[in-house]
Protein backbone atom coordinates (compact mmCIF):
# COMPACT_ATOMS: atom_id res chain seq x y z
CA MET A 1 -25.46 -36.09 12.96
CA ALA A 2 -28.07 -34.55 15.22
CA LYS A 3 -27.37 -37.35 17.81
CA GLU A 4 -23.54 -36.32 17.66
CA VAL A 5 -24.26 -32.68 18.54
CA GLU A 6 -26.56 -33.85 21.38
CA LYS A 7 -23.74 -36.04 22.75
CA LYS A 8 -21.32 -33.18 22.66
CA ALA A 9 -23.81 -30.96 24.26
CA ALA A 10 -24.68 -33.56 26.97
CA THR A 11 -21.02 -34.20 27.76
CA GLY A 12 -20.06 -30.61 27.89
CA ALA A 13 -17.01 -31.09 25.77
CA LYS A 14 -15.06 -27.87 25.48
CA PRO A 15 -13.02 -26.97 22.50
CA ALA A 16 -9.17 -27.22 22.89
CA LYS A 17 -7.48 -24.20 24.46
CA LYS A 18 -5.28 -22.26 22.06
CA ALA A 19 -1.66 -22.18 22.72
CA ARG A 20 -0.74 -19.11 24.56
CA LEU A 21 1.93 -16.70 23.23
CA ASN A 22 5.27 -17.56 24.73
CA LEU A 23 7.48 -14.25 24.29
CA LYS A 24 10.76 -16.09 25.03
CA GLN A 25 9.99 -18.93 22.48
CA TYR A 26 8.75 -16.50 19.86
CA LEU A 27 12.01 -14.29 20.20
CA LYS A 28 14.22 -17.44 20.06
CA GLU A 29 12.49 -18.72 16.73
CA MET A 30 12.61 -15.01 15.32
CA MET A 31 16.43 -14.98 15.78
CA GLY A 32 16.71 -18.37 14.36
CA GLU A 33 14.80 -17.03 11.20
CA VAL A 34 16.85 -13.84 11.04
CA LYS A 35 20.13 -15.88 10.90
CA LYS A 36 18.86 -17.68 7.79
CA LEU A 37 18.41 -14.49 5.79
CA THR A 38 20.79 -13.51 3.37
CA TRP A 39 21.81 -9.76 3.37
CA LEU A 40 22.88 -7.62 0.42
CA SER A 41 26.47 -6.39 0.35
CA VAL A 42 27.15 -2.79 0.57
CA GLY A 43 27.97 -2.36 -2.99
CA ASP A 44 24.47 -4.22 -4.17
CA LEU A 45 22.72 -1.94 -1.44
CA VAL A 46 24.17 1.22 -3.07
CA LYS A 47 23.36 0.12 -6.46
CA HIS A 48 19.74 -0.50 -5.51
CA THR A 49 19.20 2.57 -3.54
CA ALA A 50 20.47 4.59 -6.58
CA MET A 51 18.13 2.63 -9.05
CA VAL A 52 15.19 3.46 -6.46
CA PHE A 53 16.21 7.26 -6.55
CA VAL A 54 16.42 7.26 -10.47
CA VAL A 55 13.06 5.42 -10.78
CA VAL A 56 11.35 8.02 -8.41
CA LEU A 57 12.79 10.81 -10.36
CA ALA A 58 11.87 9.56 -13.57
CA MET A 59 8.28 8.81 -12.43
CA SER A 60 8.12 12.23 -10.95
CA ALA A 61 9.15 13.79 -14.35
CA VAL A 62 6.44 11.62 -16.22
CA ILE A 63 3.72 12.68 -13.77
CA TRP A 64 4.88 16.55 -13.94
CA LEU A 65 4.68 16.24 -17.84
CA LEU A 66 1.34 14.54 -17.81
CA ASP A 67 0.12 17.21 -15.33
CA LEU A 68 1.44 19.94 -17.75
CA GLY A 69 -0.39 18.53 -20.80
CA PHE A 70 -3.53 17.86 -18.97
CA SER A 71 -3.58 21.39 -17.58
CA ALA A 72 -2.99 22.96 -20.99
CA GLY A 73 -5.75 20.74 -22.54
CA VAL A 74 -8.31 21.88 -19.88
CA LYS A 75 -7.23 25.47 -20.45
CA GLY A 76 -7.72 25.03 -24.11
CA LEU A 77 -11.11 23.47 -23.78
CA ALA A 78 -12.07 26.29 -21.52
CA THR A 79 -11.08 28.84 -24.30
CA LEU A 80 -13.02 27.07 -27.00
CA THR A 81 -16.34 26.73 -24.88
CA GLY A 82 -15.93 30.51 -23.49
CA ALA A 83 -15.94 29.13 -19.97
CA GLY A 84 -12.95 31.05 -19.16
CA THR A 85 -14.48 34.70 -19.99
CA SER A 86 -16.53 36.22 -17.69
CA THR A 87 -19.41 38.47 -19.48
CA SER A 88 -21.43 39.49 -16.35
CA GLN A 89 -23.38 42.68 -17.26
CA THR A 90 -24.30 45.00 -14.33
CA ALA A 91 -27.75 46.73 -14.53
CA GLU A 92 -27.57 50.38 -14.32
């Protein structure tokens, strides 16, 4: 193996060049791939969009209810421990 490394170093073999980005070829291939796509019909698109809105609203309601519950729980714990009241006395 060491001899192979020495041979490569001695011959000055360079690694193969990477293929350059050809913009025209890239765009041509991209358009070919876009033509293969199947697009949703208008009706399906409306149904899917409505479903996304419903799920977002439902998740917002769940997060809001959890926030209310946790806030009430933290306030309840604060009242139990007396952390919510201030009993500072001033020296006169």
